[in-house]
Amino acid sequence: FFPMGVWGVVRDADFTHHPLYNLFKNVYGQFVVGAEEF
């Protein structure tokens, strides 16, 4: 799930790409710098 502000930037991304965050960073300038997992 993505906030609409983020989605407006990454909507055309190739979501088959793995790992996804590398694509977000290198192509769309969206950096994931931390996360919590449960």
PDB file of all heavy atoms in Angstrom:
ATOM      1  N   PHE A   1       0.854  -1.184   0.000  1.00  0.00           N
ATOM      2  CA  PHE A   1       0.000   0.000   0.000  1.00  0.00           C
ATOM      3  C   PHE A   1       0.897   1.243   0.000  1.00  0.00           C
ATOM      4  O   PHE A   1       1.906   1.286   0.704  1.00  0.00           O
ATOM      5  CB  PHE A   1      -0.907   0.014   1.233  1.00  0.00           C
ATOM      6  CG  PHE A   1      -1.804  -1.188   1.336  1.00  0.00           C
ATOM      7  CD1 PHE A   1      -1.343  -2.364   1.925  1.00  0.00           C
ATOM      8  CD2 PHE A   1      -3.093  -1.158   0.827  1.00  0.00           C
ATOM      9  CE1 PHE A   1      -2.162  -3.481   2.017  1.00  0.00           C
ATOM     10  CE2 PHE A   1      -3.914  -2.278   0.909  1.00  0.00           C
ATOM     11  CZ  PHE A   1      -3.443  -3.448   1.507  1.00  0.00           C
ATOM     12  N   PHE A   2       0.504   2.255  -0.790  1.00  0.00           N
ATOM     13  CA  PHE A   2       1.311   3.468  -0.930  1.00  0.00           C
ATOM     14  C   PHE A   2       0.442   4.705  -0.739  1.00  0.00           C
ATOM     15  O   PHE A   2      -0.691   4.755  -1.242  1.00  0.00           O
ATOM     16  CB  PHE A   2       1.948   3.533  -2.325  1.00  0.00           C
ATOM     17  CG  PHE A   2       2.784   2.340  -2.683  1.00  0.00           C
ATOM     18  CD1 PHE A   2       2.260   1.296  -3.442  1.00  0.00           C
ATOM     19  CD2 PHE A   2       4.101   2.247  -2.246  1.00  0.00           C
ATOM     20  CE1 PHE A   2       3.028   0.199  -3.766  1.00  0.00           C
ATOM     21  CE2 PHE A   2       4.884   1.140  -2.574  1.00  0.00           C
ATOM     22  CZ  PHE A   2       4.341   0.113  -3.331  1.00  0.00           C
ATOM     23  N   PRO A   3       0.957   5.717  -0.022  1.00  0.00           N
ATOM     24  CA  PRO A   3       0.248   7.000   0.009  1.00  0.00           C
ATOM     25  C   PRO A   3       0.125   7.548  -1.409  1.00  0.00           C
ATOM     26  O   PRO A   3       0.983   7.297  -2.259  1.00  0.00           O
ATOM     27  CB  PRO A   3       1.158   7.894   0.874  1.00  0.00           C
ATOM     28  CG  PRO A   3       2.073   6.956   1.597  1.00  0.00           C
ATOM     29  CD  PRO A   3       2.237   5.761   0.717  1.00  0.00           C
ATOM     30  N   MET A   4      -0.908   8.319  -1.662  1.00  0.00           N
ATOM     31  CA  MET A   4      -1.143   8.787  -3.021  1.00  0.00           C
ATOM     32  C   MET A   4      -0.009   9.687  -3.516  1.00  0.00           C
ATOM     33  O   MET A   4       0.289   9.711  -4.718  1.00  0.00           O
ATOM     34  CB  MET A   4      -2.486   9.524  -3.097  1.00  0.00           C
ATOM     35  CG  MET A   4      -3.690   8.603  -2.869  1.00  0.00           C
ATOM     36  SD  MET A   4      -3.712   7.160  -3.979  1.00  0.00           S
ATOM     37  CE  MET A   4      -3.923   7.942  -5.565  1.00  0.00           C
ATOM     38  N   GLY A   5       0.642  10.435  -2.600  1.00  0.00           N
ATOM     39  CA  GLY A   5       1.772  11.260  -3.018  1.00  0.00           C
ATOM     40  C   GLY A   5       2.921  10.436  -3.550  1.00  0.00           C
ATOM     41  O   GLY A   5       3.564  10.801  -4.541  1.00  0.00           O
ATOM     42  N   VAL A   6       3.191   9.298  -2.916  1.00  0.00           N
ATOM     43  CA  VAL A   6       4.237   8.390  -3.383  1.00  0.00           C
ATOM     44  C   VAL A   6       3.782   7.703  -4.677  1.00  0.00           C
ATOM     45  O   VAL A   6       4.549   7.572  -5.630  1.00  0.00           O
ATOM     46  CB  VAL A   6       4.575   7.346  -2.303  1.00  0.00           C
ATOM     47  CG1 VAL A   6       5.556   6.300  -2.833  1.00  0.00           C
ATOM     48  CG2 VAL A   6       5.141   8.028  -1.060  1.00  0.00           C
ATOM     49  N   TRP A   7       2.538   7.279  -4.698  1.00  0.00           N
ATOM     50  CA  TRP A   7       2.014   6.578  -5.871  1.00  0.00           C
ATOM     51  C   TRP A   7       2.095   7.450  -7.120  1.00  0.00           C
ATOM     52  O   TRP A   7       2.378   6.961  -8.221  1.00  0.00           O
ATOM     53  CB  TRP A   7       0.574   6.147  -5.623  1.00  0.00           C
ATOM     54  CG  TRP A   7      -0.039   5.381  -6.751  1.00  0.00           C
ATOM     55  CD1 TRP A   7      -1.063   5.766  -7.554  1.00  0.00           C
ATOM     56  CD2 TRP A   7       0.338   4.065  -7.200  1.00  0.00           C
ATOM     57  NE1 TRP A   7      -1.360   4.782  -8.475  1.00  0.00           N
ATOM     58  CE2 TRP A   7      -0.504   3.721  -8.274  1.00  0.00           C
ATOM     59  CE3 TRP A   7       1.305   3.152  -6.782  1.00  0.00           C
ATOM     60  CZ2 TRP A   7      -0.412   2.517  -8.945  1.00  0.00           C
ATOM     61  CZ3 TRP A   7       1.396   1.942  -7.458  1.00  0.00           C
ATOM     62  CH2 TRP A   7       0.545   1.635  -8.523  1.00  0.00           C
ATOM     63  N   GLY A   8       1.883   8.757  -6.969  1.00  0.00           N
ATOM     64  CA  GLY A   8       1.978   9.653  -8.115  1.00  0.00           C
ATOM     65  C   GLY A   8       3.349   9.638  -8.758  1.00  0.00           C
ATOM     66  O   GLY A   8       3.493   9.924  -9.949  1.00  0.00           O
ATOM     67  N   VAL A   9       4.381   9.263  -7.980  1.00  0.00           N
ATOM     68  CA  VAL A   9       5.752   9.211  -8.494  1.00  0.00           C
ATOM     69  C   VAL A   9       6.087   7.834  -9.060  1.00  0.00           C
ATOM     70  O   VAL A   9       6.741   7.716 -10.097  1.00  0.00           O
ATOM     71  CB  VAL A   9       6.763   9.591  -7.384  1.00  0.00           C
ATOM     72  CG1 VAL A   9       8.195   9.476  -7.880  1.00  0.00           C
ATOM     73  CG2 VAL A   9       6.490  11.000  -6.864  1.00  0.00           C
ATOM     74  N   VAL A  10       5.629   6.761  -8.387  1.00  0.00           N
ATOM     75  CA  VAL A  10       6.101   5.407  -8.729  1.00  0.00           C
ATOM     76  C   VAL A  10       5.074   4.569  -9.481  1.00  0.00           C
ATOM     77  O   VAL A  10       5.332   3.400  -9.751  1.00  0.00           O
ATOM     78  CB  VAL A  10       6.532   4.648  -7.444  1.00  0.00           C
ATOM     79  CG1 VAL A  10       7.589   5.430  -6.689  1.00  0.00           C
ATOM     80  CG2 VAL A  10       5.332   4.340  -6.541  1.00  0.00           C
ATOM     81  N   ARG A  11       3.940   5.130  -9.836  1.00  0.00           N
ATOM     82  CA  ARG A  11       2.865   4.308 -10.420  1.00  0.00           C
ATOM     83  C   ARG A  11       3.292   3.543 -11.670  1.00  0.00           C
ATOM     84  O   ARG A  11       2.725   2.488 -11.985  1.00  0.00           O
ATOM     85  CB  ARG A  11       1.639   5.177 -10.722  1.00  0.00           C
ATOM     86  CG  ARG A  11       1.788   6.090 -11.907  1.00  0.00           C
ATOM     87  CD  ARG A  11       0.486   6.813 -12.214  1.00  0.00           C
ATOM     88  NE  ARG A  11       0.236   7.854 -11.226  1.00  0.00           N
ATOM     89  CZ  ARG A  11      -0.990   8.253 -10.876  1.00  0.00           C
ATOM     90  NH1 ARG A  11      -2.044   7.698 -11.420  1.00  0.00           N
ATOM     91  NH2 ARG A  11      -1.135   9.229 -10.005  1.00  0.00           N
ATOM     92  N   ASP A  12       4.255   4.081 -12.418  1.00  0.00           N
ATOM     93  CA  ASP A  12       4.689   3.409 -13.651  1.00  0.00           C
ATOM     94  C   ASP A  12       5.866   2.466 -13.425  1.00  0.00           C
ATOM     95  O   ASP A  12       6.452   1.952 -14.383  1.00  0.00           O
ATOM     96  CB  ASP A  12       5.080   4.459 -14.705  1.00  0.00           C
ATOM     97  CG  ASP A  12       3.885   5.286 -15.160  1.00  0.00           C
ATOM     98  OD1 ASP A  12       2.771   4.742 -15.208  1.00  0.00           O
ATOM     99  OD2 ASP A  12       4.070   6.489 -15.447  1.00  0.00           O
ATOM    100  N   ALA A  13       6.228   2.231 -12.178  1.00  0.00           N
ATOM    101  CA  ALA A  13       7.362   1.350 -11.877  1.00  0.00           C
ATOM    102  C   ALA A  13       7.063  -0.083 -12.295  1.00  0.00           C
ATOM    103  O   ALA A  13       5.902  -0.515 -12.348  1.00  0.00           O
ATOM    104  CB  ALA A  13       7.681   1.399 -10.387  1.00  0.00           C
ATOM    105  N   ASP A  14       8.122  -0.820 -12.574  1.00  0.00           N
ATOM    106  CA  ASP A  14       8.006  -2.250 -12.869  1.00  0.00           C
ATOM    107  C   ASP A  14       7.985  -2.991 -11.526  1.00  0.00           C
ATOM    108  O   ASP A  14       9.024  -3.244 -10.926  1.00  0.00           O
ATOM    109  CB  ASP A  14       9.198  -2.700 -13.716  1.00  0.00           C
ATOM    110  CG  ASP A  14       9.181  -4.196 -13.984  1.00  0.00           C
ATOM    111  OD1 ASP A  14       8.199  -4.865 -13.609  1.00  0.00           O
ATOM    112  OD2 ASP A  14      10.170  -4.706 -14.547  1.00  0.00           O
ATOM    113  N   PHE A  15       6.803  -3.329 -11.051  1.00  0.00           N
ATOM    114  CA  PHE A  15       6.664  -3.930  -9.728  1.00  0.00           C
ATOM    115  C   PHE A  15       7.061  -5.408  -9.697  1.00  0.00           C
ATOM    116  O   PHE A  15       6.968  -6.044  -8.653  1.00  0.00           O
ATOM    117  CB  PHE A  15       5.238  -3.733  -9.191  1.00  0.00           C
ATOM    118  CG  PHE A  15       4.977  -2.325  -8.749  1.00  0.00           C
ATOM    119  CD1 PHE A  15       4.396  -1.407  -9.605  1.00  0.00           C
ATOM    120  CD2 PHE A  15       5.348  -1.901  -7.483  1.00  0.00           C
ATOM    121  CE1 PHE A  15       4.172  -0.105  -9.209  1.00  0.00           C
ATOM    122  CE2 PHE A  15       5.128  -0.605  -7.068  1.00  0.00           C
ATOM    123  CZ  PHE A  15       4.535   0.307  -7.932  1.00  0.00           C
ATOM    124  N   THR A  16       7.511  -5.925 -10.831  1.00  0.00           N
ATOM    125  CA  THR A  16       8.105  -7.261 -10.805  1.00  0.00           C
ATOM    126  C   THR A  16       9.567  -7.192 -10.386  1.00  0.00           C
ATOM    127  O   THR A  16      10.195  -8.219 -10.122  1.00  0.00           O
ATOM    128  CB  THR A  16       8.012  -7.949 -12.183  1.00  0.00           C
ATOM    129  OG1 THR A  16       8.818  -7.227 -13.121  1.00  0.00           O
ATOM    130  CG2 THR A  16       6.561  -7.990 -12.674  1.00  0.00           C
ATOM    131  N   HIS A  17      10.117  -5.982 -10.329  1.00  0.00           N
ATOM    132  CA  HIS A  17      11.543  -5.794 -10.012  1.00  0.00           C
ATOM    133  C   HIS A  17      11.814  -6.234  -8.573  1.00  0.00           C
ATOM    134  O   HIS A  17      11.031  -5.993  -7.666  1.00  0.00           O
ATOM    135  CB  HIS A  17      11.920  -4.328 -10.189  1.00  0.00           C
ATOM    136  CG  HIS A  17      13.388  -4.071 -10.125  1.00  0.00           C
ATOM    137  ND1 HIS A  17      14.199  -4.107 -11.234  1.00  0.00           N
ATOM    138  CD2 HIS A  17      14.204  -3.775  -9.081  1.00  0.00           C
ATOM    139  CE1 HIS A  17      15.430  -3.825 -10.886  1.00  0.00           C
ATOM    140  NE2 HIS A  17      15.476  -3.627  -9.577  1.00  0.00           N
ATOM    141  N   HIS A  18      12.984  -6.866  -8.370  1.00  0.00           N
ATOM    142  CA  HIS A  18      13.385  -7.299  -7.026  1.00  0.00           C
ATOM    143  C   HIS A  18      14.882  -7.056  -6.857  1.00  0.00           C
ATOM    144  O   HIS A  18      15.675  -7.474  -7.706  1.00  0.00           O
ATOM    145  CB  HIS A  18      13.071  -8.788  -6.835  1.00  0.00           C
ATOM    146  CG  HIS A  18      13.403  -9.293  -5.460  1.00  0.00           C
ATOM    147  ND1 HIS A  18      12.597  -9.042  -4.379  1.00  0.00           N
ATOM    148  CD2 HIS A  18      14.452 -10.018  -4.994  1.00  0.00           C
ATOM    149  CE1 HIS A  18      13.140  -9.603  -3.304  1.00  0.00           C
ATOM    150  NE2 HIS A  18      14.261 -10.199  -3.664  1.00  0.00           N
ATOM    151  N   PRO A  19      15.301  -6.317  -5.791  1.00  0.00           N
ATOM    152  CA  PRO A  19      14.454  -5.716  -4.757  1.00  0.00           C
ATOM    153  C   PRO A  19      13.826  -4.399  -5.221  1.00  0.00           C
ATOM    154  O   PRO A  19      14.470  -3.593  -5.901  1.00  0.00           O
ATOM    155  CB  PRO A  19      15.425  -5.489  -3.593  1.00  0.00           C
ATOM    156  CG  PRO A  19      16.766  -5.370  -4.233  1.00  0.00           C
ATOM    157  CD  PRO A  19      16.738  -6.226  -5.463  1.00  0.00           C
ATOM    158  N   LEU A  20      12.601  -4.177  -4.823  1.00  0.00           N
ATOM    159  CA  LEU A  20      11.811  -3.047  -5.301  1.00  0.00           C
ATOM    160  C   LEU A  20      12.414  -1.706  -4.878  1.00  0.00           C
ATOM    161  O   LEU A  20      12.400  -0.738  -5.648  1.00  0.00           O
ATOM    162  CB  LEU A  20      10.379  -3.171  -4.781  1.00  0.00           C
ATOM    163  CG  LEU A  20       9.374  -2.138  -5.284  1.00  0.00           C
ATOM    164  CD1 LEU A  20       9.208  -2.246  -6.794  1.00  0.00           C
ATOM    165  CD2 LEU A  20       8.020  -2.333  -4.591  1.00  0.00           C
ATOM    166  N   TYR A  21      12.956  -1.640  -3.665  1.00  0.00           N
ATOM    167  CA  TYR A  21      13.428  -0.350  -3.168  1.00  0.00           C
ATOM    168  C   TYR A  21      14.632   0.165  -3.957  1.00  0.00           C
ATOM    169  O   TYR A  21      14.844   1.369  -4.028  1.00  0.00           O
ATOM    170  CB  TYR A  21      13.765  -0.432  -1.679  1.00  0.00           C
ATOM    171  CG  TYR A  21      12.576  -0.709  -0.788  1.00  0.00           C
ATOM    172  CD1 TYR A  21      12.748  -1.224   0.494  1.00  0.00           C
ATOM    173  CD2 TYR A  21      11.281  -0.459  -1.218  1.00  0.00           C
ATOM    174  CE1 TYR A  21      11.663  -1.482   1.320  1.00  0.00           C
ATOM    175  CE2 TYR A  21      10.190  -0.713  -0.408  1.00  0.00           C
ATOM    176  CZ  TYR A  21      10.385  -1.228   0.863  1.00  0.00           C
ATOM    177  OH  TYR A  21       9.304  -1.475   1.667  1.00  0.00           O
ATOM    178  N   ASN A  22      15.427  -0.715  -4.519  1.00  0.00           N
ATOM    179  CA  ASN A  22      16.531  -0.257  -5.368  1.00  0.00           C
ATOM    180  C   ASN A  22      15.997   0.471  -6.596  1.00  0.00           C
ATOM    181  O   ASN A  22      16.548   1.485  -7.027  1.00  0.00           O
ATOM    182  CB  ASN A  22      17.401  -1.432  -5.803  1.00  0.00           C
ATOM    183  CG  ASN A  22      18.319  -1.920  -4.704  1.00  0.00           C
ATOM    184  OD1 ASN A  22      18.390  -1.331  -3.630  1.00  0.00           O
ATOM    185  ND2 ASN A  22      19.013  -3.019  -4.943  1.00  0.00           N
ATOM    186  N   LEU A  23      14.916  -0.053  -7.157  1.00  0.00           N
ATOM    187  CA  LEU A  23      14.281   0.608  -8.303  1.00  0.00           C
ATOM    188  C   LEU A  23      13.717   1.957  -7.890  1.00  0.00           C
ATOM    189  O   LEU A  23      13.890   2.966  -8.596  1.00  0.00           O
ATOM    190  CB  LEU A  23      13.172  -0.288  -8.854  1.00  0.00           C
ATOM    191  CG  LEU A  23      12.396   0.260 -10.054  1.00  0.00           C
ATOM    192  CD1 LEU A  23      13.276   0.267 -11.299  1.00  0.00           C
ATOM    193  CD2 LEU A  23      11.132  -0.560 -10.307  1.00  0.00           C
ATOM    194  N   PHE A  24      13.028   2.004  -6.762  1.00  0.00           N
ATOM    195  CA  PHE A  24      12.474   3.268  -6.281  1.00  0.00           C
ATOM    196  C   PHE A  24      13.572   4.317  -6.128  1.00  0.00           C
ATOM    197  O   PHE A  24      13.405   5.479  -6.487  1.00  0.00           O
ATOM    198  CB  PHE A  24      11.784   3.050  -4.927  1.00  0.00           C
ATOM    199  CG  PHE A  24      10.400   2.492  -5.016  1.00  0.00           C
ATOM    200  CD1 PHE A  24       9.916   1.950  -6.191  1.00  0.00           C
ATOM    201  CD2 PHE A  24       9.571   2.505  -3.916  1.00  0.00           C
ATOM    202  CE1 PHE A  24       8.636   1.439  -6.282  1.00  0.00           C
ATOM    203  CE2 PHE A  24       8.283   2.007  -3.981  1.00  0.00           C
ATOM    204  CZ  PHE A  24       7.805   1.467  -5.165  1.00  0.00           C
ATOM    205  N   LYS A  25      14.717   3.910  -5.563  1.00  0.00           N
ATOM    206  CA  LYS A  25      15.810   4.845  -5.302  1.00  0.00           C
ATOM    207  C   LYS A  25      16.476   5.300  -6.599  1.00  0.00           C
ATOM    208  O   LYS A  25      16.658   6.505  -6.821  1.00  0.00           O
ATOM    209  CB  LYS A  25      16.845   4.176  -4.395  1.00  0.00           C
ATOM    210  CG  LYS A  25      18.097   5.011  -4.137  1.00  0.00           C
ATOM    211  CD  LYS A  25      19.090   4.259  -3.261  1.00  0.00           C
ATOM    212  CE  LYS A  25      19.700   3.063  -3.967  1.00  0.00           C
ATOM    213  NZ  LYS A  25      20.763   2.404  -3.166  1.00  0.00           N
ATOM    214  N   ASN A  26      16.839   4.349  -7.450  1.00  0.00           N
ATOM    215  CA  ASN A  26      17.666   4.658  -8.617  1.00  0.00           C
ATOM    216  C   ASN A  26      16.897   5.315  -9.749  1.00  0.00           C
ATOM    217  O   ASN A  26      17.473   6.091 -10.522  1.00  0.00           O
ATOM    218  CB  ASN A  26      18.349   3.383  -9.125  1.00  0.00           C
ATOM    219  CG  ASN A  26      19.320   2.800  -8.115  1.00  0.00           C
ATOM    220  OD1 ASN A  26      19.934   3.525  -7.337  1.00  0.00           O
ATOM    221  ND2 ASN A  26      19.446   1.473  -8.116  1.00  0.00           N
ATOM    222  N   VAL A  27      15.609   5.008  -9.864  1.00  0.00           N
ATOM    223  CA  VAL A  27      14.827   5.522 -10.997  1.00  0.00           C
ATOM    224  C   VAL A  27      13.878   6.644 -10.581  1.00  0.00           C
ATOM    225  O   VAL A  27      13.697   7.619 -11.309  1.00  0.00           O
ATOM    226  CB  VAL A  27      14.035   4.378 -11.668  1.00  0.00           C
ATOM    227  CG1 VAL A  27      13.177   4.913 -12.817  1.00  0.00           C
ATOM    228  CG2 VAL A  27      14.987   3.296 -12.175  1.00  0.00           C
ATOM    229  N   TYR A  28      13.304   6.537  -9.386  1.00  0.00           N
ATOM    230  CA  TYR A  28      12.239   7.469  -8.996  1.00  0.00           C
ATOM    231  C   TYR A  28      12.630   8.405  -7.848  1.00  0.00           C
ATOM    232  O   TYR A  28      11.830   9.250  -7.448  1.00  0.00           O
ATOM    233  CB  TYR A  28      10.977   6.691  -8.623  1.00  0.00           C
ATOM    234  CG  TYR A  28      10.436   5.893  -9.786  1.00  0.00           C
ATOM    235  CD1 TYR A  28      10.733   4.537  -9.922  1.00  0.00           C
ATOM    236  CD2 TYR A  28       9.663   6.502 -10.775  1.00  0.00           C
ATOM    237  CE1 TYR A  28      10.262   3.803 -11.001  1.00  0.00           C
ATOM    238  CE2 TYR A  28       9.191   5.775 -11.858  1.00  0.00           C
ATOM    239  CZ  TYR A  28       9.491   4.429 -11.969  1.00  0.00           C
ATOM    240  OH  TYR A  28       9.024   3.720 -13.041  1.00  0.00           O
ATOM    241  N   GLY A  29      13.842   8.260  -7.318  1.00  0.00           N
ATOM    242  CA  GLY A  29      14.278   9.158  -6.260  1.00  0.00           C
ATOM    243  C   GLY A  29      13.516   9.010  -4.960  1.00  0.00           C
ATOM    244  O   GLY A  29      13.468   9.932  -4.147  1.00  0.00           O
ATOM    245  N   GLN A  30      12.918   7.846  -4.741  1.00  0.00           N
ATOM    246  CA  GLN A  30      12.188   7.564  -3.501  1.00  0.00           C
ATOM    247  C   GLN A  30      13.053   6.650  -2.631  1.00  0.00           C
ATOM    248  O   GLN A  30      13.264   5.484  -2.970  1.00  0.00           O
ATOM    249  CB  GLN A  30      10.841   6.907  -3.796  1.00  0.00           C
ATOM    250  CG  GLN A  30       9.896   7.781  -4.603  1.00  0.00           C
ATOM    251  CD  GLN A  30       9.450   9.015  -3.830  1.00  0.00           C
ATOM    252  OE1 GLN A  30       8.914   8.919  -2.728  1.00  0.00           O
ATOM    253  NE2 GLN A  30       9.661  10.184  -4.417  1.00  0.00           N
ATOM    254  N   PHE A  31      13.545   7.174  -1.523  1.00  0.00           N
ATOM    255  CA  PHE A  31      14.492   6.447  -0.683  1.00  0.00           C
ATOM    256  C   PHE A  31      13.775   5.850   0.520  1.00  0.00           C
ATOM    257  O   PHE A  31      13.092   6.560   1.266  1.00  0.00           O
ATOM    258  CB  PHE A  31      15.603   7.376  -0.197  1.00  0.00           C
ATOM    259  CG  PHE A  31      16.577   7.778  -1.261  1.00  0.00           C
ATOM    260  CD1 PHE A  31      16.251   8.767  -2.180  1.00  0.00           C
ATOM    261  CD2 PHE A  31      17.820   7.179  -1.347  1.00  0.00           C
ATOM    262  CE1 PHE A  31      17.152   9.145  -3.170  1.00  0.00           C
ATOM    263  CE2 PHE A  31      18.730   7.543  -2.333  1.00  0.00           C
ATOM    264  CZ  PHE A  31      18.390   8.531  -3.249  1.00  0.00           C
ATOM    265  N   VAL A  32      13.944   4.548   0.716  1.00  0.00           N
ATOM    266  CA  VAL A  32      13.516   3.904   1.952  1.00  0.00           C
ATOM    267  C   VAL A  32      14.752   3.815   2.842  1.00  0.00           C
ATOM    268  O   VAL A  32      15.709   3.121   2.521  1.00  0.00           O
ATOM    269  CB  VAL A  32      12.933   2.503   1.693  1.00  0.00           C
ATOM    270  CG1 VAL A  32      12.634   1.790   3.011  1.00  0.00           C
ATOM    271  CG2 VAL A  32      11.669   2.613   0.850  1.00  0.00           C
ATOM    272  N   VAL A  33      14.729   4.535   3.968  1.00  0.00           N
ATOM    273  CA  VAL A  33      15.910   4.590   4.833  1.00  0.00           C
ATOM    274  C   VAL A  33      15.736   3.788   6.118  1.00  0.00           C
ATOM    275  O   VAL A  33      16.666   3.656   6.906  1.00  0.00           O
ATOM    276  CB  VAL A  33      16.279   6.052   5.172  1.00  0.00           C
ATOM    277  CG1 VAL A  33      16.637   6.815   3.916  1.00  0.00           C
ATOM    278  CG2 VAL A  33      15.150   6.750   5.924  1.00  0.00           C
ATOM    279  N   GLY A  34      14.554   3.244   6.335  1.00  0.00           N
ATOM    280  CA  GLY A  34      14.335   2.424   7.527  1.00  0.00           C
ATOM    281  C   GLY A  34      12.960   1.782   7.476  1.00  0.00           C
ATOM    282  O   GLY A  34      12.079   2.209   6.723  1.00  0.00           O
ATOM    283  N   ALA A  35      12.792   0.739   8.252  1.00  0.00           N
ATOM    284  CA  ALA A  35      11.508   0.045   8.282  1.00  0.00           C
ATOM    285  C   ALA A  35      11.374  -0.728   9.587  1.00  0.00           C
ATOM    286  O   ALA A  35      12.371  -1.114  10.199  1.00  0.00           O
ATOM    287  CB  ALA A  35      11.373  -0.906   7.092  1.00  0.00           C
ATOM    288  N   GLU A  36      10.145  -0.937   9.998  1.00  0.00           N
ATOM    289  CA  GLU A  36       9.824  -1.841  11.098  1.00  0.00           C
ATOM    290  C   GLU A  36       9.056  -3.020  10.531  1.00  0.00           C
ATOM    291  O   GLU A  36       8.173  -2.832   9.675  1.00  0.00           O
ATOM    292  CB  GLU A  36       8.972  -1.142  12.153  1.00  0.00           C
ATOM    293  CG  GLU A  36       9.710  -0.229  13.089  1.00  0.00           C
ATOM    294  CD  GLU A  36       8.842   0.204  14.248  1.00  0.00           C
ATOM    295  OE1 GLU A  36       7.954   1.047  14.023  1.00  0.00           O
ATOM    296  OE2 GLU A  36       9.032  -0.303  15.375  1.00  0.00           O
ATOM    297  N   GLU A  37       9.384  -4.203  10.982  1.00  0.00           N
ATOM    298  CA  GLU A  37       8.673  -5.395  10.540  1.00  0.00           C
ATOM    299  C   GLU A  37       8.164  -6.180  11.745  1.00  0.00           C
ATOM    300  O   GLU A  37       8.825  -6.242  12.784  1.00  0.00           O
ATOM    301  CB  GLU A  37       9.571  -6.285   9.680  1.00  0.00           C
ATOM    302  CG  GLU A  37       9.858  -5.697   8.311  1.00  0.00           C
ATOM    303  CD  GLU A  37      10.509  -6.695   7.367  1.00  0.00           C
ATOM    304  OE1 GLU A  37      11.330  -7.522   7.824  1.00  0.00           O
ATOM    305  OE2 GLU A  37      10.199  -6.657   6.173  1.00  0.00           O
ATOM    306  N   PHE A  38       6.995  -6.764  11.568  1.00  0.00           N
ATOM    307  CA  PHE A  38       6.357  -7.556  12.609  1.00  0.00           C
ATOM    308  C   PHE A  38       5.973  -8.906  12.015  1.00  0.00           C
ATOM    309  O   PHE A  38       5.410  -8.972  10.921  1.00  0.00           O
ATOM    310  CB  PHE A  38       5.111  -6.846  13.141  1.00  0.00           C
ATOM    311  CG  PHE A  38       5.386  -5.455  13.641  1.00  0.00           C
ATOM    312  CD1 PHE A  38       5.323  -4.363  12.772  1.00  0.00           C
ATOM    313  CD2 PHE A  38       5.732  -5.242  14.969  1.00  0.00           C
ATOM    314  CE1 PHE A  38       5.589  -3.077  13.226  1.00  0.00           C
ATOM    315  CE2 PHE A  38       5.997  -3.957  15.427  1.00  0.00           C
ATOM    316  CZ  PHE A  38       5.929  -2.880  14.560  1.00  0.00           C
TER     317      PHE A  38
END
